[in-house]
């Protein structure tokens, strides 16, 4: 069983969205985790050690993360730690990596407008889109989220009788 990491980190670059030959979305997310301490003598915050890691997200989570997150954002992230291994020019290399299960902006430092991902709701968490279009490898995409679905019980539309109250 791989160890799980849950923590608060910062994006060191914008997420990079790519698509596999089979049309599955995959995004690479560069993260930095550091420890900050209050220096009791100077009353100033000081950065401690920093741990850099590359995270990977798949399918709808990859697309949503790419549309939502940007370099410099502080995020809450959970994922499985693993080791990536490769060989280049006869040299073996390895580094820690994070298979991200969930990621979100830290609302202590950002304001987020949350909207349901209607496509993701139809296919379940991490479900593949029915009309997946292939894009050139390495191309990134950012777009606005879809409008709320007509049957969304959480939608707020005072003119048509929807309310701010939960549907239960």
C-alpha atoms as a PDB file:
ATOM      1  CA  UNK A   1       0.000   0.000   0.000  1.00  0.00           C
ATOM      2  CA  UNK A   2       1.352   3.409  -0.982  1.00  0.00           C
ATOM      3  CA  UNK A   3       1.511   6.187   1.627  1.00  0.00           C
ATOM      4  CA  UNK A   4      -1.099   8.933   1.378  1.00  0.00           C
ATOM      5  CA  UNK A   5      -0.206  12.606   1.552  1.00  0.00           C
ATOM      6  CA  UNK A   6      -2.714  15.223   2.646  1.00  0.00           C
ATOM      7  CA  UNK A   7      -1.458  18.745   2.953  1.00  0.00           C
ATOM      8  CA  UNK A   8      -1.428  22.386   2.010  1.00  0.00           C
ATOM      9  CA  UNK A   9       0.885  23.273  -0.861  1.00  0.00           C
ATOM     10  CA  UNK A  10       1.406  25.935  -3.493  1.00  0.00           C
ATOM     11  CA  UNK A  11       1.365  25.547  -7.275  1.00  0.00           C
ATOM     12  CA  UNK A  12       4.771  26.438  -8.753  1.00  0.00           C
ATOM     13  CA  UNK A  13       3.365  26.533 -12.313  1.00  0.00           C
ATOM     14  CA  UNK A  14       0.007  26.470 -14.077  1.00  0.00           C
ATOM     15  CA  UNK A  15      -1.388  22.936 -14.462  1.00  0.00           C
ATOM     16  CA  UNK A  16      -0.481  21.408 -17.851  1.00  0.00           C
ATOM     17  CA  UNK A  17      -3.339  19.513 -19.525  1.00  0.00           C
ATOM     18  CA  UNK A  18      -2.611  16.847 -22.157  1.00  0.00           C
ATOM     19  CA  UNK A  19      -4.619  14.045 -23.699  1.00  0.00           C
ATOM     20  CA  UNK A  20      -3.502  10.445 -24.173  1.00  0.00           C
ATOM     21  CA  UNK A  21      -3.831   8.780 -27.577  1.00  0.00           C
ATOM     22  CA  UNK A  22      -6.983   7.145 -26.191  1.00  0.00           C
ATOM     23  CA  UNK A  23      -8.443  10.606 -25.458  1.00  0.00           C
ATOM     24  CA  UNK A  24      -8.094  10.559 -21.645  1.00  0.00           C
ATOM     25  CA  UNK A  25      -7.254  13.881 -20.017  1.00  0.00           C
ATOM     26  CA  UNK A  26      -4.167  13.996 -17.796  1.00  0.00           C
ATOM     27  CA  UNK A  27      -2.707  17.057 -16.099  1.00  0.00           C
ATOM     28  CA  UNK A  28       0.633  17.610 -14.462  1.00  0.00           C
ATOM     29  CA  UNK A  29       0.634  19.844 -11.377  1.00  0.00           C
ATOM     30  CA  UNK A  30       3.903  21.086  -9.856  1.00  0.00           C
ATOM     31  CA  UNK A  31       3.619  21.598  -6.092  1.00  0.00           C
ATOM     32  CA  UNK A  32       5.784  22.940  -3.287  1.00  0.00           C
ATOM     33  CA  UNK A  33       5.205  22.219   0.394  1.00  0.00           C
ATOM     34  CA  UNK A  34       7.104  24.197   2.995  1.00  0.00           C
ATOM     35  CA  UNK A  35       7.150  24.781   6.709  1.00  0.00           C
ATOM     36  CA  UNK A  36       6.820  28.342   7.920  1.00  0.00           C
ATOM     37  CA  UNK A  37       7.725  29.307  11.434  1.00  0.00           C
ATOM     38  CA  UNK A  38       7.280  32.446  13.451  1.00  0.00           C
ATOM     39  CA  UNK A  39      10.685  33.644  14.656  1.00  0.00           C
ATOM     40  CA  UNK A  40      10.000  34.541  18.286  1.00  0.00           C
ATOM     41  CA  UNK A  41      12.859  37.066  18.384  1.00  0.00           C
ATOM     42  CA  UNK A  42      11.964  39.047  15.235  1.00  0.00           C
ATOM     43  CA  UNK A  43       8.228  38.218  15.133  1.00  0.00           C
ATOM     44  CA  UNK A  44       8.692  37.569  11.396  1.00  0.00           C
ATOM     45  CA  UNK A  45       7.594  34.473   9.472  1.00  0.00           C
ATOM     46  CA  UNK A  46      10.493  32.450   8.056  1.00  0.00           C
ATOM     47  CA  UNK A  47      10.372  29.708   5.447  1.00  0.00           C
ATOM     48  CA  UNK A  48      11.769  26.357   6.489  1.00  0.00           C
ATOM     49  CA  UNK A  49      12.544  23.346   4.312  1.00  0.00           C
ATOM     50  CA  UNK A  50      10.698  23.014   0.998  1.00  0.00           C
ATOM     51  CA  UNK A  51       9.547  19.762  -0.616  1.00  0.00           C
ATOM     52  CA  UNK A  52       8.872  19.929  -4.356  1.00  0.00           C
ATOM     53  CA  UNK A  53       6.790  17.245  -6.045  1.00  0.00           C
ATOM     54  CA  UNK A  54       5.031  16.754  -9.367  1.00  0.00           C
ATOM     55  CA  UNK A  55       1.424  15.639  -9.103  1.00  0.00           C
ATOM     56  CA  UNK A  56      -0.699  13.931 -11.724  1.00  0.00           C
ATOM     57  CA  UNK A  57      -4.495  14.094 -12.085  1.00  0.00           C
ATOM     58  CA  UNK A  58      -6.653  12.193 -14.561  1.00  0.00           C
ATOM     59  CA  UNK A  59      -9.889  12.587 -16.513  1.00  0.00           C
ATOM     60  CA  UNK A  60     -12.514  15.100 -15.252  1.00  0.00           C
ATOM     61  CA  UNK A  61     -10.384  16.056 -12.248  1.00  0.00           C
ATOM     62  CA  UNK A  62      -7.547  16.940 -14.654  1.00  0.00           C
ATOM     63  CA  UNK A  63      -9.801  19.132 -16.775  1.00  0.00           C
ATOM     64  CA  UNK A  64     -11.437  20.807 -13.765  1.00  0.00           C
ATOM     65  CA  UNK A  65      -8.092  21.439 -12.045  1.00  0.00           C
ATOM     66  CA  UNK A  66      -6.673  22.991 -15.214  1.00  0.00           C
ATOM     67  CA  UNK A  67      -9.663  25.309 -15.530  1.00  0.00           C
ATOM     68  CA  UNK A  68      -9.662  26.281 -11.849  1.00  0.00           C
ATOM     69  CA  UNK A  69      -6.073  26.421 -10.575  1.00  0.00           C
ATOM     70  CA  UNK A  70      -3.141  28.682 -11.463  1.00  0.00           C
ATOM     71  CA  UNK A  71       0.491  29.236 -10.520  1.00  0.00           C
ATOM     72  CA  UNK A  72       0.922  30.644  -7.016  1.00  0.00           C
ATOM     73  CA  UNK A  73      -2.382  29.354  -5.624  1.00  0.00           C
ATOM     74  CA  UNK A  74      -2.366  27.649  -2.266  1.00  0.00           C
ATOM     75  CA  UNK A  75      -4.221  24.332  -2.484  1.00  0.00           C
ATOM     76  CA  UNK A  76      -5.412  21.528  -0.269  1.00  0.00           C
ATOM     77  CA  UNK A  77      -4.368  18.244  -1.839  1.00  0.00           C
ATOM     78  CA  UNK A  78      -4.686  14.521  -1.119  1.00  0.00           C
ATOM     79  CA  UNK A  79      -2.995  11.773  -3.063  1.00  0.00           C
ATOM     80  CA  UNK A  80      -0.866   8.650  -3.093  1.00  0.00           C
ATOM     81  CA  UNK A  81       2.915   9.011  -2.971  1.00  0.00           C
ATOM     82  CA  UNK A  82       4.827   6.880  -5.449  1.00  0.00           C
ATOM     83  CA  UNK A  83       8.202   6.757  -7.161  1.00  0.00           C
ATOM     84  CA  UNK A  84       8.583   7.568 -10.856  1.00  0.00           C
ATOM     85  CA  UNK A  85      11.462   5.752 -12.550  1.00  0.00           C
ATOM     86  CA  UNK A  86      12.922   6.286 -16.013  1.00  0.00           C
ATOM     87  CA  UNK A  87      16.119   5.854 -17.944  1.00  0.00           C
ATOM     88  CA  UNK A  88      17.746   8.570 -20.035  1.00  0.00           C
ATOM     89  CA  UNK A  89      21.073   8.333 -21.831  1.00  0.00           C
ATOM     90  CA  UNK A  90      21.855   5.099 -19.983  1.00  0.00           C
ATOM     91  CA  UNK A  91      21.339   6.737 -16.582  1.00  0.00           C
ATOM     92  CA  UNK A  92      18.592   5.549 -14.266  1.00  0.00           C
ATOM     93  CA  UNK A  93      16.585   8.299 -12.563  1.00  0.00           C
ATOM     94  CA  UNK A  94      13.852   8.369  -9.985  1.00  0.00           C
ATOM     95  CA  UNK A  95      11.865  10.977  -8.101  1.00  0.00           C
ATOM     96  CA  UNK A  96       8.871  11.127  -5.793  1.00  0.00           C
ATOM     97  CA  UNK A  97       5.507  11.778  -7.454  1.00  0.00           C
ATOM     98  CA  UNK A  98       1.945  12.271  -6.259  1.00  0.00           C
ATOM     99  CA  UNK A  99      -1.113  10.634  -7.812  1.00  0.00           C
ATOM    100  CA  UNK A 100      -3.649  13.294  -6.818  1.00  0.00           C
ATOM    101  CA  UNK A 101      -7.087  12.096  -5.667  1.00  0.00           C
ATOM    102  CA  UNK A 102      -8.475  15.529  -4.721  1.00  0.00           C
ATOM    103  CA  UNK A 103      -7.271  19.110  -4.991  1.00  0.00           C
ATOM    104  CA  UNK A 104      -8.926  22.455  -4.239  1.00  0.00           C
ATOM    105  CA  UNK A 105      -7.963  26.083  -3.635  1.00  0.00           C
ATOM    106  CA  UNK A 106      -7.422  27.053  -0.002  1.00  0.00           C
ATOM    107  CA  UNK A 107     -10.326  29.377   0.766  1.00  0.00           C
ATOM    108  CA  UNK A 108      -8.298  31.083   3.484  1.00  0.00           C
ATOM    109  CA  UNK A 109      -6.501  32.913   0.639  1.00  0.00           C
ATOM    110  CA  UNK A 110      -8.907  32.790  -2.301  1.00  0.00           C
ATOM    111  CA  UNK A 111     -12.547  33.213  -3.181  1.00  0.00           C
ATOM    112  CA  UNK A 112     -13.981  30.451  -5.322  1.00  0.00           C
ATOM    113  CA  UNK A 113     -17.222  30.379  -7.223  1.00  0.00           C
ATOM    114  CA  UNK A 114     -18.258  26.747  -7.248  1.00  0.00           C
ATOM    115  CA  UNK A 115     -20.486  25.325  -9.942  1.00  0.00           C
ATOM    116  CA  UNK A 116     -21.480  21.744 -10.503  1.00  0.00           C
ATOM    117  CA  UNK A 117     -19.722  19.959 -13.313  1.00  0.00           C
ATOM    118  CA  UNK A 118     -22.835  18.701 -15.096  1.00  0.00           C
ATOM    119  CA  UNK A 119     -20.824  16.348 -17.326  1.00  0.00           C
ATOM    120  CA  UNK A 120     -19.001  14.862 -14.326  1.00  0.00           C
ATOM    121  CA  UNK A 121     -22.309  14.368 -12.513  1.00  0.00           C
ATOM    122  CA  UNK A 122     -23.713  12.389 -15.439  1.00  0.00           C
ATOM    123  CA  UNK A 123     -20.764  10.003 -15.559  1.00  0.00           C
ATOM    124  CA  UNK A 124     -19.793   9.876 -11.891  1.00  0.00           C
ATOM    125  CA  UNK A 125     -16.530  10.995 -10.268  1.00  0.00           C
ATOM    126  CA  UNK A 126     -13.675  10.673 -12.700  1.00  0.00           C
ATOM    127  CA  UNK A 127     -16.027   9.493 -15.414  1.00  0.00           C
ATOM    128  CA  UNK A 128     -14.938   9.866 -18.993  1.00  0.00           C
ATOM    129  CA  UNK A 129     -16.767  12.329 -21.164  1.00  0.00           C
ATOM    130  CA  UNK A 130     -19.010  10.828 -23.785  1.00  0.00           C
ATOM    131  CA  UNK A 131     -17.888  13.270 -26.462  1.00  0.00           C
ATOM    132  CA  UNK A 132     -14.174  13.352 -25.720  1.00  0.00           C
ATOM    133  CA  UNK A 133     -12.324  15.314 -28.351  1.00  0.00           C
ATOM    134  CA  UNK A 134      -8.648  14.724 -28.877  1.00  0.00           C
ATOM    135  CA  UNK A 135      -6.412  17.764 -28.646  1.00  0.00           C
ATOM    136  CA  UNK A 136      -2.800  18.079 -29.691  1.00  0.00           C
ATOM    137  CA  UNK A 137      -0.463  16.797 -26.994  1.00  0.00           C
ATOM    138  CA  UNK A 138       0.796  19.502 -24.676  1.00  0.00           C
ATOM    139  CA  UNK A 139      -2.047  21.920 -25.490  1.00  0.00           C
ATOM    140  CA  UNK A 140      -3.629  23.490 -22.449  1.00  0.00           C
ATOM    141  CA  UNK A 141      -7.221  24.567 -22.199  1.00  0.00           C
ATOM    142  CA  UNK A 142      -9.013  26.981 -19.860  1.00  0.00           C
ATOM    143  CA  UNK A 143     -12.709  27.689 -20.085  1.00  0.00           C
ATOM    144  CA  UNK A 144     -15.620  28.844 -17.996  1.00  0.00           C
ATOM    145  CA  UNK A 145     -17.637  26.168 -16.216  1.00  0.00           C
ATOM    146  CA  UNK A 146     -20.988  25.138 -17.670  1.00  0.00           C
ATOM    147  CA  UNK A 147     -24.162  26.838 -16.490  1.00  0.00           C
ATOM    148  CA  UNK A 148     -26.119  24.919 -13.837  1.00  0.00           C
ATOM    149  CA  UNK A 149     -28.237  22.080 -15.177  1.00  0.00           C
ATOM    150  CA  UNK A 150     -31.988  22.690 -15.406  1.00  0.00           C
ATOM    151  CA  UNK A 151     -32.664  19.920 -12.878  1.00  0.00           C
ATOM    152  CA  UNK A 152     -30.042  21.191 -10.378  1.00  0.00           C
ATOM    153  CA  UNK A 153     -31.815  21.314  -6.972  1.00  0.00           C
ATOM    154  CA  UNK A 154     -29.046  23.595  -5.629  1.00  0.00           C
ATOM    155  CA  UNK A 155     -29.501  26.258  -8.311  1.00  0.00           C
ATOM    156  CA  UNK A 156     -30.573  29.712  -7.135  1.00  0.00           C
ATOM    157  CA  UNK A 157     -33.117  31.373  -9.424  1.00  0.00           C
ATOM    158  CA  UNK A 158     -35.495  33.628  -7.541  1.00  0.00           C
ATOM    159  CA  UNK A 159     -37.539  34.419 -10.690  1.00  0.00           C
ATOM    160  CA  UNK A 160     -38.428  30.762 -11.235  1.00  0.00           C
ATOM    161  CA  UNK A 161     -39.005  29.829  -7.605  1.00  0.00           C
ATOM    162  CA  UNK A 162     -35.666  28.222  -6.679  1.00  0.00           C
ATOM    163  CA  UNK A 163     -34.302  29.189  -3.290  1.00  0.00           C
ATOM    164  CA  UNK A 164     -31.043  29.404  -1.388  1.00  0.00           C
ATOM    165  CA  UNK A 165     -32.155  26.599   0.892  1.00  0.00           C
ATOM    166  CA  UNK A 166     -30.878  23.015   0.521  1.00  0.00           C
ATOM    167  CA  UNK A 167     -33.349  20.622  -1.131  1.00  0.00           C
ATOM    168  CA  UNK A 168     -33.930  18.538   2.011  1.00  0.00           C
END
